[in-house]
Amino acid sequence: KYAELIENEYLKVLGHSLNWDNLQTYTEKMQWEKIYDKNPMKTVLADKYRVREWIENKIGNDYLIPLIGVWDSFDDIDFNSLPDQFVLKTNHGTGTNLIVKDKEKLNIKRTKRMFDDWMKIDYAFTNSLQLHYRKIPRKIIAEKYLETDLGELQDYKFLCFDGKPYFCWVDLGRFSKHTRTVFNMKWELQPWTQATYGIASHEIPKPKNFDKMVEIATILSKGFSHVRVDLYNVDGKIYFGEMTFTNGSGLDPIVPEKYDKVLGDYWKLPIDQERKK
């Protein structure tokens, strides 16, 4: 049932059929991951609240964005106790973040409607069967607001295979002209990107402590055939962002398309290992 749904969605979005017996590309292998990789740790680590304890045990709480509060529902939040600036988010989905730069300007009623809607959504079924989101106990969390001299957080996303980071892309202009610029571990610009984001027109400097970021991504990705480890770097201070197992749900095209196969070659699915025996 799930396989058929995914086949239809993949064909509709990316324009070609899935052959489950011969998965070659990154986006194809992501479809297998979504329904056949049942590692329960994916649910824990995709949970933006529970992942914090795991991160603390792995690399220490110095890399965690300070937590201000956690609640089971919006009505439990005492906004009087919150600072003037913070980030409010749900723990069980994607894109459910609200950046509050001035609490006085926050429309509480509108924000409640938005979070009440978000809390009802089962993200396992909203973006083509990302099933590991299904069992996340839903909460709302508030974290410290962070920014850099550029006025926004630079998001460094490490694409890791079998515990080794191979690529890092930098998301910029998320609320204006969103670009996604990809580098290898030598900080050499790569000729591909994801979806329609495009590559930044200006040079993006390599972070001074990039080697430390690579080290962290290596530690956190160990034990997974594929995961994207997201980190922030605020004036040299590294923070953990999130662990993403189904990047773009495997439905964001890799551009140019030939690099979909290049990325797929890095990803050794368990079924690939079985074939070699």
C-alpha atoms as a PDB file:
ATOM      1  CA  LYS A   1       0.000   0.000   0.000  1.00  0.00           C
ATOM      2  CA  TYR A   2       2.660   2.527   1.051  1.00  0.00           C
ATOM      3  CA  ALA A   3       4.940   1.492  -1.811  1.00  0.00           C
ATOM      4  CA  GLU A   4       2.229   2.137  -4.366  1.00  0.00           C
ATOM      5  CA  LEU A   5       1.434   5.557  -2.903  1.00  0.00           C
ATOM      6  CA  ILE A   6       5.097   6.507  -3.001  1.00  0.00           C
ATOM      7  CA  GLU A   7       5.532   5.211  -6.563  1.00  0.00           C
ATOM      8  CA  ASN A   8       2.651   7.390  -7.754  1.00  0.00           C
ATOM      9  CA  GLU A   9       3.911  10.473  -5.912  1.00  0.00           C
ATOM     10  CA  TYR A  10       7.479  10.011  -7.144  1.00  0.00           C
ATOM     11  CA  LEU A  11       6.315   9.634 -10.743  1.00  0.00           C
ATOM     12  CA  LYS A  12       4.085  12.697 -10.470  1.00  0.00           C
ATOM     13  CA  VAL A  13       6.735  14.936  -8.891  1.00  0.00           C
ATOM     14  CA  LEU A  14      10.009  13.762 -10.460  1.00  0.00           C
ATOM     15  CA  GLY A  15       8.684  12.369 -13.718  1.00  0.00           C
ATOM     16  CA  HIS A  16      10.038   8.822 -13.751  1.00  0.00           C
ATOM     17  CA  SER A  17       9.107   5.479 -12.279  1.00  0.00           C
ATOM     18  CA  LEU A  18      10.636   3.738  -9.287  1.00  0.00           C
ATOM     19  CA  ASN A  19      12.201   0.326  -9.736  1.00  0.00           C
ATOM     20  CA  TRP A  20      12.332  -1.078  -6.190  1.00  0.00           C
ATOM     21  CA  ASP A  21      14.712  -3.838  -7.347  1.00  0.00           C
ATOM     22  CA  ASN A  22      17.239  -1.379  -8.776  1.00  0.00           C
ATOM     23  CA  LEU A  23      17.290   1.867  -6.815  1.00  0.00           C
ATOM     24  CA  GLN A  24      20.136   3.992  -8.155  1.00  0.00           C
ATOM     25  CA  THR A  25      19.708   7.644  -7.258  1.00  0.00           C
ATOM     26  CA  TYR A  26      19.600   9.585  -3.998  1.00  0.00           C
ATOM     27  CA  THR A  27      15.930  10.514  -4.396  1.00  0.00           C
ATOM     28  CA  GLU A  28      15.015   6.911  -5.280  1.00  0.00           C
ATOM     29  CA  LYS A  29      16.796   5.477  -2.254  1.00  0.00           C
ATOM     30  CA  MET A  30      15.057   8.033  -0.041  1.00  0.00           C
ATOM     31  CA  GLN A  31      11.734   6.430  -0.956  1.00  0.00           C
ATOM     32  CA  TRP A  32      12.988   3.058   0.326  1.00  0.00           C
ATOM     33  CA  GLU A  33      14.247   4.732   3.493  1.00  0.00           C
ATOM     34  CA  LYS A  34      10.835   6.238   4.230  1.00  0.00           C
ATOM     35  CA  ILE A  35       8.925   2.976   4.429  1.00  0.00           C
ATOM     36  CA  TYR A  36      11.456   0.200   5.008  1.00  0.00           C
ATOM     37  CA  ASP A  37      14.020   1.646   7.426  1.00  0.00           C
ATOM     38  CA  LYS A  38      12.224   1.184  10.746  1.00  0.00           C
ATOM     39  CA  ASN A  39      15.078   2.190  13.054  1.00  0.00           C
ATOM     40  CA  PRO A  40      13.236   3.562  16.145  1.00  0.00           C
ATOM     41  CA  MET A  41      16.049   6.051  16.785  1.00  0.00           C
ATOM     42  CA  LYS A  42      14.863   8.035  13.777  1.00  0.00           C
ATOM     43  CA  THR A  43      11.688   8.922  15.683  1.00  0.00           C
ATOM     44  CA  VAL A  44      13.668   9.974  18.770  1.00  0.00           C
ATOM     45  CA  LEU A  45      16.143  12.088  16.827  1.00  0.00           C
ATOM     46  CA  ALA A  46      13.530  13.746  14.623  1.00  0.00           C
ATOM     47  CA  ASP A  47      11.807  14.892  17.826  1.00  0.00           C
ATOM     48  CA  LYS A  48      13.160  18.407  18.380  1.00  0.00           C
ATOM     49  CA  TYR A  49      12.687  18.020  22.134  1.00  0.00           C
ATOM     50  CA  ARG A  50      13.860  14.464  22.838  1.00  0.00           C
ATOM     51  CA  VAL A  51      16.886  14.815  20.553  1.00  0.00           C
ATOM     52  CA  ARG A  52      18.355  17.289  23.056  1.00  0.00           C
ATOM     53  CA  GLU A  53      19.123  14.586  25.625  1.00  0.00           C
ATOM     54  CA  TRP A  54      20.788  12.453  22.946  1.00  0.00           C
ATOM     55  CA  ILE A  55      22.907  15.405  21.784  1.00  0.00           C
ATOM     56  CA  GLU A  56      23.949  16.158  25.367  1.00  0.00           C
ATOM     57  CA  ASN A  57      25.124  12.570  25.802  1.00  0.00           C
ATOM     58  CA  LYS A  58      26.954  12.542  22.454  1.00  0.00           C
ATOM     59  CA  ILE A  59      28.727  15.900  22.377  1.00  0.00           C
ATOM     60  CA  GLY A  60      27.658  17.853  25.467  1.00  0.00           C
ATOM     61  CA  ASN A  61      25.055  20.517  26.163  1.00  0.00           C
ATOM     62  CA  ASP A  62      27.368  23.355  25.053  1.00  0.00           C
ATOM     63  CA  TYR A  63      26.119  22.695  21.522  1.00  0.00           C
ATOM     64  CA  LEU A  64      22.419  22.944  22.394  1.00  0.00           C
ATOM     65  CA  ILE A  65      20.476  26.139  21.780  1.00  0.00           C
ATOM     66  CA  PRO A  66      19.319  27.153  25.297  1.00  0.00           C
ATOM     67  CA  LEU A  67      15.810  25.901  26.036  1.00  0.00           C
ATOM     68  CA  ILE A  68      13.386  28.427  27.539  1.00  0.00           C
ATOM     69  CA  GLY A  69      10.321  26.237  27.968  1.00  0.00           C
ATOM     70  CA  VAL A  70       8.357  23.188  26.834  1.00  0.00           C
ATOM     71  CA  TRP A  71       4.581  22.729  26.890  1.00  0.00           C
ATOM     72  CA  ASP A  72       1.976  20.160  25.859  1.00  0.00           C
ATOM     73  CA  SER A  73      -0.350  22.776  24.387  1.00  0.00           C
ATOM     74  CA  PHE A  74      -0.357  26.441  23.430  1.00  0.00           C
ATOM     75  CA  ASP A  75      -2.734  27.295  26.282  1.00  0.00           C
ATOM     76  CA  ASP A  76      -0.089  26.210  28.803  1.00  0.00           C
ATOM     77  CA  ILE A  77       2.350  28.934  27.714  1.00  0.00           C
ATOM     78  CA  ASP A  78       2.804  31.889  30.068  1.00  0.00           C
ATOM     79  CA  PHE A  79       3.970  34.574  27.666  1.00  0.00           C
ATOM     80  CA  ASN A  80       4.634  37.004  30.521  1.00  0.00           C
ATOM     81  CA  SER A  81       7.473  34.748  31.658  1.00  0.00           C
ATOM     82  CA  LEU A  82       9.128  34.655  28.205  1.00  0.00           C
ATOM     83  CA  PRO A  83      11.910  37.043  27.147  1.00  0.00           C
ATOM     84  CA  ASP A  84      11.349  39.739  24.516  1.00  0.00           C
ATOM     85  CA  GLN A  85      12.933  37.560  21.837  1.00  0.00           C
ATOM     86  CA  PHE A  86      12.639  33.789  21.342  1.00  0.00           C
ATOM     87  CA  VAL A  87      11.860  31.068  18.829  1.00  0.00           C
ATOM     88  CA  LEU A  88       8.667  29.061  19.271  1.00  0.00           C
ATOM     89  CA  LYS A  89       8.314  25.723  17.476  1.00  0.00           C
ATOM     90  CA  THR A  90       6.591  22.382  17.530  1.00  0.00           C
ATOM     91  CA  ASN A  91       8.783  19.350  18.111  1.00  0.00           C
ATOM     92  CA  HIS A  92       7.097  16.924  15.718  1.00  0.00           C
ATOM     93  CA  GLY A  93       7.169  18.464  12.260  1.00  0.00           C
ATOM     94  CA  THR A  94       8.989  20.609   9.776  1.00  0.00           C
ATOM     95  CA  GLY A  95       8.607  24.285   8.998  1.00  0.00           C
ATOM     96  CA  THR A  96       6.616  24.888  12.206  1.00  0.00           C
ATOM     97  CA  ASN A  97       8.827  27.621  13.644  1.00  0.00           C
ATOM     98  CA  LEU A  98       7.935  31.142  14.681  1.00  0.00           C
ATOM     99  CA  ILE A  99      10.730  33.662  15.193  1.00  0.00           C
ATOM    100  CA  VAL A 100       9.684  36.288  17.719  1.00  0.00           C
ATOM    101  CA  LYS A 101      11.937  39.350  17.651  1.00  0.00           C
ATOM    102  CA  ASP A 102       9.606  41.571  19.677  1.00  0.00           C
ATOM    103  CA  LYS A 103       7.142  39.906  22.037  1.00  0.00           C
ATOM    104  CA  GLU A 104       5.119  43.123  22.348  1.00  0.00           C
ATOM    105  CA  LYS A 105       4.170  42.874  18.660  1.00  0.00           C
ATOM    106  CA  LEU A 106       3.111  39.233  18.854  1.00  0.00           C
ATOM    107  CA  ASN A 107      -0.543  38.600  18.039  1.00  0.00           C
ATOM    108  CA  ILE A 108      -1.333  35.898  20.599  1.00  0.00           C
ATOM    109  CA  LYS A 109      -4.724  34.934  19.130  1.00  0.00           C
ATOM    110  CA  ARG A 110      -3.316  34.494  15.629  1.00  0.00           C
ATOM    111  CA  THR A 111      -0.310  32.616  16.994  1.00  0.00           C
ATOM    112  CA  LYS A 112      -2.609  30.295  18.956  1.00  0.00           C
ATOM    113  CA  ARG A 113      -4.627  29.457  15.841  1.00  0.00           C
ATOM    114  CA  MET A 114      -1.429  28.706  13.955  1.00  0.00           C
ATOM    115  CA  PHE A 115       0.048  26.459  16.649  1.00  0.00           C
ATOM    116  CA  ASP A 116      -3.267  24.717  17.321  1.00  0.00           C
ATOM    117  CA  ASP A 117      -3.375  23.850  13.617  1.00  0.00           C
ATOM    118  CA  TRP A 118       0.246  22.705  13.594  1.00  0.00           C
ATOM    119  CA  MET A 119      -0.277  20.510  16.652  1.00  0.00           C
ATOM    120  CA  LYS A 120      -3.086  18.639  14.864  1.00  0.00           C
ATOM    121  CA  ILE A 121      -0.953  17.728  11.852  1.00  0.00           C
ATOM    122  CA  ASP A 122       0.514  14.239  11.560  1.00  0.00           C
ATOM    123  CA  TYR A 123       3.693  14.872   9.574  1.00  0.00           C
ATOM    124  CA  ALA A 124       4.061  11.173   8.853  1.00  0.00           C
ATOM    125  CA  PHE A 125       1.381  11.593   6.201  1.00  0.00           C
ATOM    126  CA  THR A 126       1.589  15.203   5.039  1.00  0.00           C
ATOM    127  CA  ASN A 127       4.701  15.002   2.874  1.00  0.00           C
ATOM    128  CA  SER A 128       4.680  11.612   1.203  1.00  0.00           C
ATOM    129  CA  LEU A 129       4.950   9.180   4.082  1.00  0.00           C
ATOM    130  CA  GLN A 130       7.772  10.205   6.391  1.00  0.00           C
ATOM    131  CA  LEU A 131       6.613   7.524   8.791  1.00  0.00           C
ATOM    132  CA  HIS A 132       9.178   8.081  11.545  1.00  0.00           C
ATOM    133  CA  TYR A 133       7.333  11.292  12.505  1.00  0.00           C
ATOM    134  CA  ARG A 134       4.228   9.312  13.403  1.00  0.00           C
ATOM    135  CA  LYS A 135       5.029   8.415  17.026  1.00  0.00           C
ATOM    136  CA  ILE A 136       6.532  11.707  18.208  1.00  0.00           C
ATOM    137  CA  PRO A 137       4.676  12.952  21.346  1.00  0.00           C
ATOM    138  CA  ARG A 138       3.645  16.484  20.390  1.00  0.00           C
ATOM    139  CA  LYS A 139       4.979  19.462  22.289  1.00  0.00           C
ATOM    140  CA  ILE A 140       5.708  23.158  21.813  1.00  0.00           C
ATOM    141  CA  ILE A 141       9.152  24.397  22.758  1.00  0.00           C
ATOM    142  CA  ALA A 142      10.730  27.820  23.089  1.00  0.00           C
ATOM    143  CA  GLU A 143      14.435  28.326  22.450  1.00  0.00           C
ATOM    144  CA  LYS A 144      16.752  31.286  22.741  1.00  0.00           C
ATOM    145  CA  TYR A 145      16.717  33.606  19.725  1.00  0.00           C
ATOM    146  CA  LEU A 146      20.054  33.608  17.906  1.00  0.00           C
ATOM    147  CA  GLU A 147      21.365  35.721  15.058  1.00  0.00           C
ATOM    148  CA  THR A 148      24.686  36.674  13.505  1.00  0.00           C
ATOM    149  CA  ASP A 149      26.064  39.939  12.161  1.00  0.00           C
ATOM    150  CA  LEU A 150      24.233  39.166   8.905  1.00  0.00           C
ATOM    151  CA  GLY A 151      20.919  39.303  10.731  1.00  0.00           C
ATOM    152  CA  GLU A 152      20.010  35.669  10.073  1.00  0.00           C
ATOM    153  CA  LEU A 153      21.366  32.284  11.050  1.00  0.00           C
ATOM    154  CA  GLN A 154      23.638  30.571   8.570  1.00  0.00           C
ATOM    155  CA  ASP A 155      22.398  27.014   8.324  1.00  0.00           C
ATOM    156  CA  TYR A 156      25.136  24.453   7.576  1.00  0.00           C
ATOM    157  CA  LYS A 157      23.619  21.134   6.527  1.00  0.00           C
ATOM    158  CA  PHE A 158      25.985  18.166   6.371  1.00  0.00           C
ATOM    159  CA  LEU A 159      24.993  15.304   4.083  1.00  0.00           C
ATOM    160  CA  CYS A 160      26.398  12.171   5.718  1.00  0.00           C
ATOM    161  CA  PHE A 161      26.591   8.568   4.575  1.00  0.00           C
ATOM    162  CA  ASP A 162      27.660   5.734   6.905  1.00  0.00           C
ATOM    163  CA  GLY A 163      28.931   8.144   9.513  1.00  0.00           C
ATOM    164  CA  LYS A 164      30.968  10.295   7.143  1.00  0.00           C
ATOM    165  CA  PRO A 165      30.087  13.838   5.986  1.00  0.00           C
ATOM    166  CA  TYR A 166      30.598  14.299   2.249  1.00  0.00           C
ATOM    167  CA  PHE A 167      28.874  17.590   1.497  1.00  0.00           C
ATOM    168  CA  CYS A 168      27.816  20.699   3.366  1.00  0.00           C
ATOM    169  CA  TRP A 169      25.302  23.110   1.989  1.00  0.00           C
ATOM    170  CA  VAL A 170      24.619  26.576   3.258  1.00  0.00           C
ATOM    171  CA  ASP A 171      21.082  27.907   3.239  1.00  0.00           C
ATOM    172  CA  LEU A 172      20.881  31.687   2.966  1.00  0.00           C
ATOM    173  CA  GLY A 173      18.065  34.168   2.397  1.00  0.00           C
ATOM    174  CA  ARG A 174      15.411  31.831   3.720  1.00  0.00           C
ATOM    175  CA  PHE A 175      12.912  34.689   3.997  1.00  0.00           C
ATOM    176  CA  SER A 176      13.972  36.527   0.841  1.00  0.00           C
ATOM    177  CA  LYS A 177      15.895  34.930  -2.041  1.00  0.00           C
ATOM    178  CA  HIS A 178      16.572  31.438  -0.755  1.00  0.00           C
ATOM    179  CA  THR A 179      19.812  29.908  -2.039  1.00  0.00           C
ATOM    180  CA  ARG A 180      21.353  26.526  -1.277  1.00  0.00           C
ATOM    181  CA  THR A 181      25.075  26.429  -2.011  1.00  0.00           C
ATOM    182  CA  VAL A 182      26.881  23.100  -1.737  1.00  0.00           C
ATOM    183  CA  PHE A 183      30.516  22.480  -0.782  1.00  0.00           C
ATOM    184  CA  ASN A 184      32.569  19.344  -0.278  1.00  0.00           C
ATOM    185  CA  MET A 185      34.661  18.827   2.847  1.00  0.00           C
ATOM    186  CA  LYS A 186      37.535  20.817   1.314  1.00  0.00           C
ATOM    187  CA  TRP A 187      35.112  23.743   0.964  1.00  0.00           C
ATOM    188  CA  GLU A 188      35.170  23.456  -2.812  1.00  0.00           C
ATOM    189  CA  LEU A 189      32.013  24.719  -4.494  1.00  0.00           C
ATOM    190  CA  GLN A 190      29.946  21.913  -6.014  1.00  0.00           C
ATOM    191  CA  PRO A 191      28.090  22.171  -9.341  1.00  0.00           C
ATOM    192  CA  TRP A 192      24.741  20.953  -7.992  1.00  0.00           C
ATOM    193  CA  THR A 193      21.994  22.132  -5.686  1.00  0.00           C
ATOM    194  CA  GLN A 194      18.572  20.951  -4.574  1.00  0.00           C
ATOM    195  CA  ALA A 195      15.176  21.887  -5.993  1.00  0.00           C
ATOM    196  CA  THR A 196      14.908  25.390  -7.437  1.00  0.00           C
ATOM    197  CA  TYR A 197      16.941  27.199  -4.797  1.00  0.00           C
ATOM    198  CA  GLY A 198      19.971  28.002  -6.918  1.00  0.00           C
ATOM    199  CA  ILE A 199      23.481  28.851  -5.776  1.00  0.00           C
ATOM    200  CA  ALA A 200      24.469  32.062  -3.975  1.00  0.00           C
ATOM    201  CA  SER A 201      25.871  34.718  -6.303  1.00  0.00           C
ATOM    202  CA  HIS A 202      28.468  35.815  -3.761  1.00  0.00           C
ATOM    203  CA  GLU A 203      31.334  33.953  -2.143  1.00  0.00           C
ATOM    204  CA  ILE A 204      30.511  32.152   1.082  1.00  0.00           C
ATOM    205  CA  PRO A 205      33.507  32.026   3.435  1.00  0.00           C
ATOM    206  CA  LYS A 206      34.496  28.768   5.060  1.00  0.00           C
ATOM    207  CA  PRO A 207      33.836  28.927   8.821  1.00  0.00           C
ATOM    208  CA  LYS A 208      37.064  29.239  10.806  1.00  0.00           C
ATOM    209  CA  ASN A 209      36.163  26.201  12.904  1.00  0.00           C
ATOM    210  CA  PHE A 210      34.800  24.154   9.993  1.00  0.00           C
ATOM    211  CA  ASP A 211      36.938  21.150  11.004  1.00  0.00           C
ATOM    212  CA  LYS A 212      35.144  21.100  14.359  1.00  0.00           C
ATOM    213  CA  MET A 213      31.777  21.165  12.599  1.00  0.00           C
ATOM    214  CA  VAL A 214      32.861  18.200  10.454  1.00  0.00           C
ATOM    215  CA  GLU A 215      33.967  16.362  13.591  1.00  0.00           C
ATOM    216  CA  ILE A 216      30.555  16.924  15.210  1.00  0.00           C
ATOM    217  CA  ALA A 217      28.675  15.824  12.079  1.00  0.00           C
ATOM    218  CA  THR A 218      30.829  12.676  11.989  1.00  0.00           C
ATOM    219  CA  ILE A 219      30.015  11.792  15.606  1.00  0.00           C
ATOM    220  CA  LEU A 220      26.274  12.416  15.216  1.00  0.00           C
ATOM    221  CA  SER A 221      25.881  10.568  11.914  1.00  0.00           C
ATOM    222  CA  LYS A 222      27.613   7.388  13.053  1.00  0.00           C
ATOM    223  CA  GLY A 223      25.422   4.312  12.752  1.00  0.00           C
ATOM    224  CA  PHE A 224      23.121   5.663  10.042  1.00  0.00           C
ATOM    225  CA  SER A 225      23.382   4.818   6.333  1.00  0.00           C
ATOM    226  CA  HIS A 226      22.232   8.373   5.627  1.00  0.00           C
ATOM    227  CA  VAL A 227      21.348  11.425   7.679  1.00  0.00           C
ATOM    228  CA  ARG A 228      21.582  15.177   7.274  1.00  0.00           C
ATOM    229  CA  VAL A 229      23.103  16.889  10.312  1.00  0.00           C
ATOM    230  CA  ASP A 230      22.201  20.573  10.560  1.00  0.00           C
ATOM    231  CA  LEU A 231      24.446  22.920  12.513  1.00  0.00           C
ATOM    232  CA  TYR A 232      24.535  26.657  13.130  1.00  0.00           C
ATOM    233  CA  ASN A 233      27.645  28.757  13.580  1.00  0.00           C
ATOM    234  CA  VAL A 234      27.162  32.016  15.453  1.00  0.00           C
ATOM    235  CA  ASP A 235      30.386  34.012  15.461  1.00  0.00           C
ATOM    236  CA  GLY A 236      32.379  30.795  15.917  1.00  0.00           C
ATOM    237  CA  LYS A 237      29.991  29.219  18.436  1.00  0.00           C
ATOM    238  CA  ILE A 238      28.570  25.974  17.032  1.00  0.00           C
ATOM    239  CA  TYR A 239      25.003  24.952  17.794  1.00  0.00           C
ATOM    240  CA  PHE A 240      23.096  21.804  16.877  1.00  0.00           C
ATOM    241  CA  GLY A 241      20.087  22.350  14.620  1.00  0.00           C
ATOM    242  CA  GLU A 242      18.444  19.034  13.809  1.00  0.00           C
ATOM    243  CA  MET A 243      18.839  15.533  12.393  1.00  0.00           C
ATOM    244  CA  THR A 244      16.985  14.960   9.118  1.00  0.00           C
ATOM    245  CA  PHE A 245      16.558  11.457   7.717  1.00  0.00           C
ATOM    246  CA  THR A 246      14.218  12.241   4.841  1.00  0.00           C
ATOM    247  CA  ASN A 247      15.708  15.375   3.308  1.00  0.00           C
ATOM    248  CA  GLY A 248      13.045  16.975   1.123  1.00  0.00           C
ATOM    249  CA  SER A 249      11.133  13.678   1.413  1.00  0.00           C
ATOM    250  CA  GLY A 250      13.244  12.597  -1.555  1.00  0.00           C
ATOM    251  CA  LEU A 251      10.960  14.656  -3.777  1.00  0.00           C
ATOM    252  CA  ASP A 252      13.134  17.750  -4.154  1.00  0.00           C
ATOM    253  CA  PRO A 253      15.027  17.183  -7.408  1.00  0.00           C
ATOM    254  CA  ILE A 254      18.816  17.302  -7.436  1.00  0.00           C
ATOM    255  CA  VAL A 255      19.859  19.840 -10.071  1.00  0.00           C
ATOM    256  CA  PRO A 256      21.442  19.034 -12.511  1.00  0.00           C
ATOM    257  CA  GLU A 257      19.750  15.634 -12.477  1.00  0.00           C
ATOM    258  CA  LYS A 258      22.907  13.593 -13.125  1.00  0.00           C
ATOM    259  CA  TYR A 259      24.094  14.435  -9.584  1.00  0.00           C
ATOM    260  CA  ASP A 260      21.116  12.529  -8.185  1.00  0.00           C
ATOM    261  CA  LYS A 261      22.978   9.377  -9.265  1.00  0.00           C
ATOM    262  CA  VAL A 262      26.297  10.711  -7.914  1.00  0.00           C
ATOM    263  CA  LEU A 263      24.724  11.158  -4.473  1.00  0.00           C
ATOM    264  CA  GLY A 264      22.966   7.817  -4.751  1.00  0.00           C
ATOM    265  CA  ASP A 265      26.317   6.080  -5.173  1.00  0.00           C
ATOM    266  CA  TYR A 266      27.395   7.269  -1.705  1.00  0.00           C
ATOM    267  CA  TRP A 267      24.308   5.747  -0.084  1.00  0.00           C
ATOM    268  CA  LYS A 268      24.635   2.033   0.671  1.00  0.00           C
ATOM    269  CA  LEU A 269      21.183   0.781   1.610  1.00  0.00           C
ATOM    270  CA  PRO A 270      20.906  -2.448   3.648  1.00  0.00           C
ATOM    271  CA  ILE A 271      19.444  -4.095   0.536  1.00  0.00           C
ATOM    272  CA  ASP A 272      22.650  -3.204  -1.328  1.00  0.00           C
ATOM    273  CA  GLN A 273      24.672  -4.997   1.338  1.00  0.00           C
ATOM    274  CA  GLU A 274      22.420  -8.071   1.102  1.00  0.00           C
ATOM    275  CA  ARG A 275      22.995  -8.315  -2.648  1.00  0.00           C
ATOM    276  CA  LYS A 276      26.778  -8.448  -2.130  1.00  0.00           C
ATOM    277  CA  LYS A 277      26.581 -11.488   0.191  1.00  0.00           C
END
